Amino acid sequence: MSRTVYVNGAFVPEEEASVSIFDRGFLFADAIYEVTAVIDSKICEWEGHVARLERSLGEIGMGMPMSSEELLEIHRELVKRNDMEEGAIYLQITRGAIDRDFVMPKDLEQTVVLFTQAKKLTGEKKGLRVVSMPDIRWARRDIKTVQLLAASMVKTEAKKQGKDDAWMVEDGFVTEGSSNNTYIVTAEGKIITRNLSNSILPGITRKSVLRIAEEMKMEIEERPYTIEEAQKATEAFMTAATSFVTPVLEIDGVELGDGTPGPVSKRLCEVYIEEARKASC
């Protein structure tokens, strides 16, 4: 059955949805996006996602097209119209449509598009096997833009190599996964993850998971680390809005621990999902 999507003020069947060929999101990737998880037909981590959305828009000189409350109501309406219990909602906001010009125009009517993806998010995480690749992205990864070609390229290459994902490396240190933040756990139980900067996206799930770990009295260190250090870890994991906490079992052919999801990532995932259910709206 066809999905109902949202395009510029209207809920329409996906087959009828369209935007201009002159839209700057299409021509220049001049656009910002967010993705929120849906559990039990409710939106997860809304406040964090809408705050990051507003920040990302501001970083490229755009404002919010409508209020947070209006955007939330559109999300809820899509959940209702698509009879969605679990999955994700993608929101994309472009600068708008105008004849091609590299200079960013002012006061365009923004294009606003939302669509759903129904899929199972909760349940047991089997774990992923990853390979390292050079980070070829631009320098402002803290802005959640739609220019995901580099991420798509490295994830595709990982699949060609028979692996699940890629960890990107710059100047000898891991930045993040193709679409997630990364973590390692030392033999002493310390969680190590890259510190926030322009080099990585400030993950909403990352923020919540680190808060949960702190509340559970786990030691956390935010700093860069190498692939070699990661391979010596007792366990590793990744976080993202629609995969929550996902264990990493192998890095560049080196198996971590006993090759199964470790206790730290399993427990963090359990608690995160419990809290996400309670706080969803």
C-alpha atoms as a PDB file:
ATOM      1  CA  MET A   1       0.000   0.000   0.000  1.00  0.00           C
ATOM      2  CA  SER A   2       1.238   3.487  -0.870  1.00  0.00           C
ATOM      3  CA  ARG A   3       2.587   5.685   1.891  1.00  0.00           C
ATOM      4  CA  THR A   4       1.215   9.098   2.676  1.00  0.00           C
ATOM      5  CA  VAL A   5       3.970  11.724   2.639  1.00  0.00           C
ATOM      6  CA  TYR A   6       4.061  15.441   3.387  1.00  0.00           C
ATOM      7  CA  VAL A   7       5.179  18.012   0.794  1.00  0.00           C
ATOM      8  CA  ASN A   8       4.922  21.756   1.324  1.00  0.00           C
ATOM      9  CA  GLY A   9       1.733  21.833   3.360  1.00  0.00           C
ATOM     10  CA  ALA A  10      -0.071  18.840   1.854  1.00  0.00           C
ATOM     11  CA  PHE A  11      -0.396  15.164   2.775  1.00  0.00           C
ATOM     12  CA  VAL A  12      -0.319  13.237  -0.500  1.00  0.00           C
ATOM     13  CA  PRO A  13       0.240   9.678  -1.786  1.00  0.00           C
ATOM     14  CA  GLU A  14       3.948   9.135  -2.414  1.00  0.00           C
ATOM     15  CA  GLU A  15       3.304   8.658  -6.163  1.00  0.00           C
ATOM     16  CA  GLU A  16       1.929  12.198  -6.366  1.00  0.00           C
ATOM     17  CA  ALA A  17       4.705  13.890  -4.395  1.00  0.00           C
ATOM     18  CA  SER A  18       7.050  16.178  -6.300  1.00  0.00           C
ATOM     19  CA  VAL A  19       9.421  19.128  -5.949  1.00  0.00           C
ATOM     20  CA  SER A  20      10.893  21.476  -8.550  1.00  0.00           C
ATOM     21  CA  ILE A  21      13.885  20.404 -10.637  1.00  0.00           C
ATOM     22  CA  PHE A  22      15.343  23.782  -9.621  1.00  0.00           C
ATOM     23  CA  ASP A  23      15.167  22.997  -5.908  1.00  0.00           C
ATOM     24  CA  ARG A  24      18.511  23.818  -4.299  1.00  0.00           C
ATOM     25  CA  GLY A  25      18.388  20.619  -2.295  1.00  0.00           C
ATOM     26  CA  PHE A  26      18.602  18.748  -5.610  1.00  0.00           C
ATOM     27  CA  LEU A  27      21.088  21.090  -7.299  1.00  0.00           C
ATOM     28  CA  PHE A  28      23.454  21.874  -4.412  1.00  0.00           C
ATOM     29  CA  ALA A  29      22.484  19.647  -1.450  1.00  0.00           C
ATOM     30  CA  ASP A  30      21.503  22.991   0.082  1.00  0.00           C
ATOM     31  CA  ALA A  31      19.310  21.335   2.686  1.00  0.00           C
ATOM     32  CA  ILE A  32      19.141  19.995   6.222  1.00  0.00           C
ATOM     33  CA  TYR A  33      17.516  16.814   7.445  1.00  0.00           C
ATOM     34  CA  GLU A  34      16.574  15.012  10.629  1.00  0.00           C
ATOM     35  CA  VAL A  35      15.374  11.486  11.312  1.00  0.00           C
ATOM     36  CA  THR A  36      13.361  10.511  14.371  1.00  0.00           C
ATOM     37  CA  ALA A  37      12.547   7.026  15.588  1.00  0.00           C
ATOM     38  CA  VAL A  38       8.979   5.857  16.138  1.00  0.00           C
ATOM     39  CA  ILE A  39       8.233   3.291  18.847  1.00  0.00           C
ATOM     40  CA  ASP A  40       4.707   2.279  19.860  1.00  0.00           C
ATOM     41  CA  SER A  41       3.418   4.863  17.355  1.00  0.00           C
ATOM     42  CA  LYS A  42       5.125   7.682  19.262  1.00  0.00           C
ATOM     43  CA  ILE A  43       8.007  10.018  18.370  1.00  0.00           C
ATOM     44  CA  CYS A  44      11.302   9.505  20.221  1.00  0.00           C
ATOM     45  CA  GLU A  45      13.756  12.198  21.365  1.00  0.00           C
ATOM     46  CA  TRP A  46      11.739  15.010  19.765  1.00  0.00           C
ATOM     47  CA  GLU A  47      13.193  17.916  21.723  1.00  0.00           C
ATOM     48  CA  GLY A  48      16.763  16.904  20.909  1.00  0.00           C
ATOM     49  CA  HIS A  49      16.088  16.443  17.208  1.00  0.00           C
ATOM     50  CA  VAL A  50      14.210  19.698  16.716  1.00  0.00           C
ATOM     51  CA  ALA A  51      16.910  21.628  18.600  1.00  0.00           C
ATOM     52  CA  ARG A  52      19.608  20.156  16.357  1.00  0.00           C
ATOM     53  CA  LEU A  53      17.458  20.880  13.305  1.00  0.00           C
ATOM     54  CA  GLU A  54      17.208  24.545  14.219  1.00  0.00           C
ATOM     55  CA  ARG A  55      20.961  24.739  14.861  1.00  0.00           C
ATOM     56  CA  SER A  56      21.834  23.061  11.542  1.00  0.00           C
ATOM     57  CA  LEU A  57      19.511  25.371   9.619  1.00  0.00           C
ATOM     58  CA  GLY A  58      21.078  28.387  11.306  1.00  0.00           C
ATOM     59  CA  GLU A  59      24.595  27.231  10.445  1.00  0.00           C
ATOM     60  CA  ILE A  60      23.779  27.490   6.723  1.00  0.00           C
ATOM     61  CA  GLY A  61      21.735  30.669   7.026  1.00  0.00           C
ATOM     62  CA  MET A  62      18.211  29.280   7.135  1.00  0.00           C
ATOM     63  CA  GLY A  63      15.462  29.576   9.715  1.00  0.00           C
ATOM     64  CA  MET A  64      12.792  27.153  10.846  1.00  0.00           C
ATOM     65  CA  PRO A  65       9.948  26.912   8.300  1.00  0.00           C
ATOM     66  CA  MET A  66       7.399  26.533  11.113  1.00  0.00           C
ATOM     67  CA  SER A  67       7.268  26.057  14.860  1.00  0.00           C
ATOM     68  CA  SER A  68       8.420  22.969  16.708  1.00  0.00           C
ATOM     69  CA  GLU A  69       4.805  22.252  17.680  1.00  0.00           C
ATOM     70  CA  GLU A  70       3.636  22.403  14.061  1.00  0.00           C
ATOM     71  CA  LEU A  71       6.410  20.081  12.924  1.00  0.00           C
ATOM     72  CA  LEU A  72       5.586  17.621  15.695  1.00  0.00           C
ATOM     73  CA  GLU A  73       1.928  17.572  14.655  1.00  0.00           C
ATOM     74  CA  ILE A  74       2.951  16.741  11.080  1.00  0.00           C
ATOM     75  CA  HIS A  75       5.062  13.853  12.396  1.00  0.00           C
ATOM     76  CA  ARG A  76       2.126  12.569  14.441  1.00  0.00           C
ATOM     77  CA  GLU A  77      -0.243  12.873  11.505  1.00  0.00           C
ATOM     78  CA  LEU A  78       2.105  10.844   9.299  1.00  0.00           C
ATOM     79  CA  VAL A  79       2.264   8.134  11.969  1.00  0.00           C
ATOM     80  CA  LYS A  80      -1.539   8.072  12.068  1.00  0.00           C
ATOM     81  CA  ARG A  81      -2.109   8.145   8.303  1.00  0.00           C
ATOM     82  CA  ASN A  82       0.437   5.388   7.689  1.00  0.00           C
ATOM     83  CA  ASP A  83      -0.757   3.261  10.623  1.00  0.00           C
ATOM     84  CA  MET A  84       2.853   3.156  11.793  1.00  0.00           C
ATOM     85  CA  GLU A  85       3.894   1.355  14.962  1.00  0.00           C
ATOM     86  CA  GLU A  86       7.674   1.293  14.596  1.00  0.00           C
ATOM     87  CA  GLY A  87      10.180   2.850  12.221  1.00  0.00           C
ATOM     88  CA  ALA A  88      11.482   6.279  11.268  1.00  0.00           C
ATOM     89  CA  ILE A  89      10.316   9.634   9.974  1.00  0.00           C
ATOM     90  CA  TYR A  90      12.635  11.643   7.738  1.00  0.00           C
ATOM     91  CA  LEU A  91      12.301  15.428   7.572  1.00  0.00           C
ATOM     92  CA  GLN A  92      14.129  17.382   4.848  1.00  0.00           C
ATOM     93  CA  ILE A  93      14.141  21.161   4.526  1.00  0.00           C
ATOM     94  CA  THR A  94      15.746  22.840   1.524  1.00  0.00           C
ATOM     95  CA  ARG A  95      16.404  26.518   0.856  1.00  0.00           C
ATOM     96  CA  GLY A  96      13.808  26.374  -1.931  1.00  0.00           C
ATOM     97  CA  ALA A  97      13.602  26.505  -5.721  1.00  0.00           C
ATOM     98  CA  ILE A  98      15.167  29.166  -7.959  1.00  0.00           C
ATOM     99  CA  ASP A  99      17.165  29.196 -11.193  1.00  0.00           C
ATOM    100  CA  ARG A 100      20.646  27.742 -10.733  1.00  0.00           C
ATOM    101  CA  ASP A 101      23.172  30.058  -9.040  1.00  0.00           C
ATOM    102  CA  PHE A 102      25.957  29.229  -6.593  1.00  0.00           C
ATOM    103  CA  VAL A 103      25.164  32.298  -4.475  1.00  0.00           C
ATOM    104  CA  MET A 104      22.645  31.458  -1.760  1.00  0.00           C
ATOM    105  CA  PRO A 105      19.494  33.546  -2.355  1.00  0.00           C
ATOM    106  CA  LYS A 106      17.550  35.206   0.442  1.00  0.00           C
ATOM    107  CA  ASP A 107      13.884  34.889   1.414  1.00  0.00           C
ATOM    108  CA  LEU A 108      13.012  31.869  -0.728  1.00  0.00           C
ATOM    109  CA  GLU A 109      10.012  29.753   0.216  1.00  0.00           C
ATOM    110  CA  GLN A 110      11.568  26.673   1.760  1.00  0.00           C
ATOM    111  CA  THR A 111      10.741  23.178   0.590  1.00  0.00           C
ATOM    112  CA  VAL A 112       9.575  20.917   3.431  1.00  0.00           C
ATOM    113  CA  VAL A 113       9.278  17.178   2.883  1.00  0.00           C
ATOM    114  CA  LEU A 114       8.558  14.362   5.351  1.00  0.00           C
ATOM    115  CA  PHE A 115       8.168  10.630   4.778  1.00  0.00           C
ATOM    116  CA  THR A 116       8.005   7.476   6.861  1.00  0.00           C
ATOM    117  CA  GLN A 117       9.956   4.213   6.797  1.00  0.00           C
ATOM    118  CA  ALA A 118       8.286   1.363   8.643  1.00  0.00           C
ATOM    119  CA  LYS A 119      10.842  -1.087  10.044  1.00  0.00           C
ATOM    120  CA  LYS A 120      11.662  -3.035  13.191  1.00  0.00           C
ATOM    121  CA  LEU A 121      13.880  -1.021  15.522  1.00  0.00           C
ATOM    122  CA  THR A 122      13.637  -2.833  18.838  1.00  0.00           C
ATOM    123  CA  GLY A 123      14.681  -6.406  19.550  1.00  0.00           C
ATOM    124  CA  GLU A 124      17.982  -8.204  19.917  1.00  0.00           C
ATOM    125  CA  LYS A 125      21.020  -6.633  18.244  1.00  0.00           C
ATOM    126  CA  LYS A 126      23.216  -9.255  16.587  1.00  0.00           C
ATOM    127  CA  GLY A 127      26.190  -6.970  16.058  1.00  0.00           C
ATOM    128  CA  LEU A 128      28.069  -5.600  13.053  1.00  0.00           C
ATOM    129  CA  ARG A 129      31.406  -6.173  11.352  1.00  0.00           C
ATOM    130  CA  VAL A 130      33.119  -3.003  10.138  1.00  0.00           C
ATOM    131  CA  VAL A 131      36.096  -1.929   8.059  1.00  0.00           C
ATOM    132  CA  SER A 132      38.054   1.324   8.262  1.00  0.00           C
ATOM    133  CA  MET A 133      38.178   3.803   5.375  1.00  0.00           C
ATOM    134  CA  PRO A 134      39.511   7.333   4.883  1.00  0.00           C
ATOM    135  CA  ASP A 135      37.082  10.065   5.888  1.00  0.00           C
ATOM    136  CA  ILE A 136      36.534  11.976   2.644  1.00  0.00           C
ATOM    137  CA  ARG A 137      33.688  14.207   3.856  1.00  0.00           C
ATOM    138  CA  TRP A 138      33.688  17.989   4.118  1.00  0.00           C
ATOM    139  CA  ALA A 139      34.880  19.786   7.263  1.00  0.00           C
ATOM    140  CA  ARG A 140      31.466  20.683   8.773  1.00  0.00           C
ATOM    141  CA  ARG A 141      30.148  17.278   9.771  1.00  0.00           C
ATOM    142  CA  ASP A 142      28.452  18.844  12.794  1.00  0.00           C
ATOM    143  CA  ILE A 143      25.792  20.192  10.399  1.00  0.00           C
ATOM    144  CA  LYS A 144      23.242  17.534   9.421  1.00  0.00           C
ATOM    145  CA  THR A 145      23.028  18.260   5.700  1.00  0.00           C
ATOM    146  CA  VAL A 146      21.603  16.002   2.997  1.00  0.00           C
ATOM    147  CA  GLN A 147      24.983  15.759   1.228  1.00  0.00           C
ATOM    148  CA  LEU A 148      25.516  12.103   2.108  1.00  0.00           C
ATOM    149  CA  LEU A 149      27.388  10.942  -1.002  1.00  0.00           C
ATOM    150  CA  ALA A 150      30.643  10.214   0.845  1.00  0.00           C
ATOM    151  CA  ALA A 151      28.814   8.264   3.538  1.00  0.00           C
ATOM    152  CA  SER A 152      26.934   6.334   0.870  1.00  0.00           C
ATOM    153  CA  MET A 153      30.185   5.530  -0.936  1.00  0.00           C
ATOM    154  CA  VAL A 154      31.959   4.136   2.125  1.00  0.00           C
ATOM    155  CA  LYS A 155      28.949   2.103   3.268  1.00  0.00           C
ATOM    156  CA  THR A 156      28.607   0.661  -0.240  1.00  0.00           C
ATOM    157  CA  GLU A 157      32.306  -0.250  -0.298  1.00  0.00           C
ATOM    158  CA  ALA A 158      31.967  -1.946   3.088  1.00  0.00           C
ATOM    159  CA  LYS A 159      29.108  -4.048   1.701  1.00  0.00           C
ATOM    160  CA  LYS A 160      31.249  -4.963  -1.319  1.00  0.00           C
ATOM    161  CA  GLN A 161      33.859  -6.265   1.114  1.00  0.00           C
ATOM    162  CA  GLY A 162      31.243  -8.418   2.820  1.00  0.00           C
ATOM    163  CA  LYS A 163      31.016  -6.212   5.922  1.00  0.00           C
ATOM    164  CA  ASP A 164      28.172  -4.266   7.485  1.00  0.00           C
ATOM    165  CA  ASP A 165      29.534  -0.746   7.791  1.00  0.00           C
ATOM    166  CA  ALA A 166      32.622   1.470   7.770  1.00  0.00           C
ATOM    167  CA  TRP A 167      34.443   3.429  10.444  1.00  0.00           C
ATOM    168  CA  MET A 168      35.961   6.553   8.919  1.00  0.00           C
ATOM    169  CA  VAL A 169      39.488   7.656   9.785  1.00  0.00           C
ATOM    170  CA  GLU A 170      41.088  11.098   9.523  1.00  0.00           C
ATOM    171  CA  ASP A 171      44.669  11.969  10.530  1.00  0.00           C
ATOM    172  CA  GLY A 172      45.006   8.508  12.031  1.00  0.00           C
ATOM    173  CA  PHE A 173      41.945   8.695  14.281  1.00  0.00           C
ATOM    174  CA  VAL A 174      38.396   7.388  13.995  1.00  0.00           C
ATOM    175  CA  THR A 175      35.826  10.120  13.401  1.00  0.00           C
ATOM    176  CA  GLU A 176      32.553   8.190  13.177  1.00  0.00           C
ATOM    177  CA  GLY A 177      30.711   5.492  11.266  1.00  0.00           C
ATOM    178  CA  SER A 178      29.033   6.076   7.927  1.00  0.00           C
ATOM    179  CA  SER A 179      25.825   7.137   9.686  1.00  0.00           C
ATOM    180  CA  ASN A 180      26.504   6.755  13.412  1.00  0.00           C
ATOM    181  CA  ASN A 181      28.716   7.706  16.347  1.00  0.00           C
ATOM    182  CA  THR A 182      31.267   5.124  17.521  1.00  0.00           C
ATOM    183  CA  TYR A 183      32.536   3.887  20.884  1.00  0.00           C
ATOM    184  CA  ILE A 184      35.004   1.395  22.341  1.00  0.00           C
ATOM    185  CA  VAL A 185      35.098  -0.191  25.793  1.00  0.00           C
ATOM    186  CA  THR A 186      38.418  -0.914  27.500  1.00  0.00           C
ATOM    187  CA  ALA A 187      39.268  -3.944  29.639  1.00  0.00           C
ATOM    188  CA  GLU A 188      38.645  -1.747  32.692  1.00  0.00           C
ATOM    189  CA  GLY A 189      35.126  -0.955  31.471  1.00  0.00           C
ATOM    190  CA  LYS A 190      35.820   2.622  30.403  1.00  0.00           C
ATOM    191  CA  ILE A 191      33.765   3.926  27.457  1.00  0.00           C
ATOM    192  CA  ILE A 192      35.805   5.966  24.978  1.00  0.00           C
ATOM    193  CA  THR A 193      34.173   8.037  22.239  1.00  0.00           C
ATOM    194  CA  ARG A 194      35.269  10.901  20.005  1.00  0.00           C
ATOM    195  CA  ASN A 195      34.799  14.344  21.557  1.00  0.00           C
ATOM    196  CA  LEU A 196      32.356  16.762  19.922  1.00  0.00           C
ATOM    197  CA  SER A 197      33.741  19.160  17.308  1.00  0.00           C
ATOM    198  CA  ASN A 198      33.143  20.050  13.665  1.00  0.00           C
ATOM    199  CA  SER A 199      34.578  16.613  12.827  1.00  0.00           C
ATOM    200  CA  ILE A 200      31.512  14.624  13.928  1.00  0.00           C
ATOM    201  CA  LEU A 201      27.763  14.965  14.172  1.00  0.00           C
ATOM    202  CA  PRO A 202      26.494  15.703  17.692  1.00  0.00           C
ATOM    203  CA  GLY A 203      24.283  12.623  17.885  1.00  0.00           C
ATOM    204  CA  ILE A 204      21.022  12.890  19.811  1.00  0.00           C
ATOM    205  CA  THR A 205      21.229   9.197  20.710  1.00  0.00           C
ATOM    206  CA  ARG A 206      24.888   9.728  21.633  1.00  0.00           C
ATOM    207  CA  LYS A 207      23.937  12.413  24.142  1.00  0.00           C
ATOM    208  CA  SER A 208      21.284  10.243  25.769  1.00  0.00           C
ATOM    209  CA  VAL A 209      23.456   7.123  25.879  1.00  0.00           C
ATOM    210  CA  LEU A 210      26.338   8.998  27.517  1.00  0.00           C
ATOM    211  CA  ARG A 211      23.924  10.427  30.094  1.00  0.00           C
ATOM    212  CA  ILE A 212      22.612   6.929  30.823  1.00  0.00           C
ATOM    213  CA  ALA A 213      26.154   5.564  31.118  1.00  0.00           C
ATOM    214  CA  GLU A 214      27.059   8.336  33.538  1.00  0.00           C
ATOM    215  CA  GLU A 215      23.965   7.648  35.640  1.00  0.00           C
ATOM    216  CA  MET A 216      24.999   3.967  35.720  1.00  0.00           C
ATOM    217  CA  LYS A 217      28.384   5.067  37.117  1.00  0.00           C
ATOM    218  CA  MET A 218      30.286   4.008  34.014  1.00  0.00           C
ATOM    219  CA  GLU A 219      33.532   5.845  33.307  1.00  0.00           C
ATOM    220  CA  ILE A 220      33.514   7.895  30.094  1.00  0.00           C
ATOM    221  CA  GLU A 221      36.398   9.497  28.219  1.00  0.00           C
ATOM    222  CA  GLU A 222      35.738  11.721  25.206  1.00  0.00           C
ATOM    223  CA  ARG A 223      38.797  11.801  22.938  1.00  0.00           C
ATOM    224  CA  PRO A 224      40.045  10.565  19.558  1.00  0.00           C
ATOM    225  CA  TYR A 225      41.234   6.964  19.283  1.00  0.00           C
ATOM    226  CA  THR A 226      42.855   4.860  16.564  1.00  0.00           C
ATOM    227  CA  ILE A 227      41.712   1.719  14.786  1.00  0.00           C
ATOM    228  CA  GLU A 228      44.552  -0.141  16.505  1.00  0.00           C
ATOM    229  CA  GLU A 229      43.272   0.936  19.916  1.00  0.00           C
ATOM    230  CA  ALA A 230      39.759  -0.072  18.926  1.00  0.00           C
ATOM    231  CA  GLN A 231      40.945  -3.530  17.886  1.00  0.00           C
ATOM    232  CA  LYS A 232      42.358  -4.047  21.390  1.00  0.00           C
ATOM    233  CA  ALA A 233      39.061  -3.094  23.053  1.00  0.00           C
ATOM    234  CA  THR A 234      36.933  -5.669  24.841  1.00  0.00           C
ATOM    235  CA  GLU A 235      33.859  -4.437  22.987  1.00  0.00           C
ATOM    236  CA  ALA A 236      32.673  -1.643  20.707  1.00  0.00           C
ATOM    237  CA  PHE A 237      29.355  -0.210  19.601  1.00  0.00           C
ATOM    238  CA  MET A 238      27.684   2.484  17.535  1.00  0.00           C
ATOM    239  CA  THR A 239      24.677   4.731  18.179  1.00  0.00           C
ATOM    240  CA  ALA A 240      22.160   6.331  15.823  1.00  0.00           C
ATOM    241  CA  ALA A 241      18.573   7.526  15.910  1.00  0.00           C
ATOM    242  CA  THR A 242      17.074   4.431  14.292  1.00  0.00           C
ATOM    243  CA  SER A 243      19.540   1.748  15.427  1.00  0.00           C
ATOM    244  CA  PHE A 244      19.900   2.898  19.051  1.00  0.00           C
ATOM    245  CA  VAL A 245      22.927   1.052  20.504  1.00  0.00           C
ATOM    246  CA  THR A 246      24.376  -1.521  18.101  1.00  0.00           C
ATOM    247  CA  PRO A 247      27.343  -3.766  19.048  1.00  0.00           C
ATOM    248  CA  VAL A 248      30.407  -4.002  16.812  1.00  0.00           C
ATOM    249  CA  LEU A 249      31.922  -7.490  16.731  1.00  0.00           C
ATOM    250  CA  GLU A 250      34.840  -7.047  14.324  1.00  0.00           C
ATOM    251  CA  ILE A 251      37.057  -4.195  13.114  1.00  0.00           C
ATOM    252  CA  ASP A 252      39.247  -4.697  10.022  1.00  0.00           C
ATOM    253  CA  GLY A 253      39.137  -8.454  10.464  1.00  0.00           C
ATOM    254  CA  VAL A 254      40.005  -8.429  14.175  1.00  0.00           C
ATOM    255  CA  GLU A 255      37.311  -9.963  16.360  1.00  0.00           C
ATOM    256  CA  LEU A 256      36.549  -8.190  19.615  1.00  0.00           C
ATOM    257  CA  GLY A 257      36.135 -10.191  22.841  1.00  0.00           C
ATOM    258  CA  ASP A 258      34.468 -13.521  22.143  1.00  0.00           C
ATOM    259  CA  GLY A 259      32.819 -12.266  18.952  1.00  0.00           C
ATOM    260  CA  THR A 260      29.410 -11.675  20.534  1.00  0.00           C
ATOM    261  CA  PRO A 261      27.676  -8.492  21.764  1.00  0.00           C
ATOM    262  CA  GLY A 262      29.289  -7.320  25.001  1.00  0.00           C
ATOM    263  CA  PRO A 263      27.532  -6.578  28.307  1.00  0.00           C
ATOM    264  CA  VAL A 264      28.054  -2.805  28.185  1.00  0.00           C
ATOM    265  CA  SER A 265      26.405  -2.271  24.795  1.00  0.00           C
ATOM    266  CA  LYS A 266      23.606  -4.730  25.596  1.00  0.00           C
ATOM    267  CA  ARG A 267      22.744  -3.019  28.857  1.00  0.00           C
ATOM    268  CA  LEU A 268      22.953   0.488  27.412  1.00  0.00           C
ATOM    269  CA  CYS A 269      20.630  -0.537  24.588  1.00  0.00           C
ATOM    270  CA  GLU A 270      18.094  -2.029  27.005  1.00  0.00           C
ATOM    271  CA  VAL A 271      18.016   1.064  29.196  1.00  0.00           C
ATOM    272  CA  TYR A 272      17.975   3.466  26.251  1.00  0.00           C
ATOM    273  CA  ILE A 273      14.916   1.771  24.707  1.00  0.00           C
ATOM    274  CA  GLU A 274      13.157   1.704  28.086  1.00  0.00           C
ATOM    275  CA  GLU A 275      13.721   5.431  28.535  1.00  0.00           C
ATOM    276  CA  ALA A 276      12.845   6.244  24.924  1.00  0.00           C
ATOM    277  CA  ARG A 277       9.485   4.521  25.308  1.00  0.00           C
ATOM    278  CA  LYS A 278       8.700   6.481  28.471  1.00  0.00           C
ATOM    279  CA  ALA A 279       9.742   9.854  27.041  1.00  0.00           C
ATOM    280  CA  SER A 280       8.246   9.511  23.545  1.00  0.00           C
ATOM    281  CA  CYS A 281       5.466  11.867  22.519  1.00  0.00           C
END
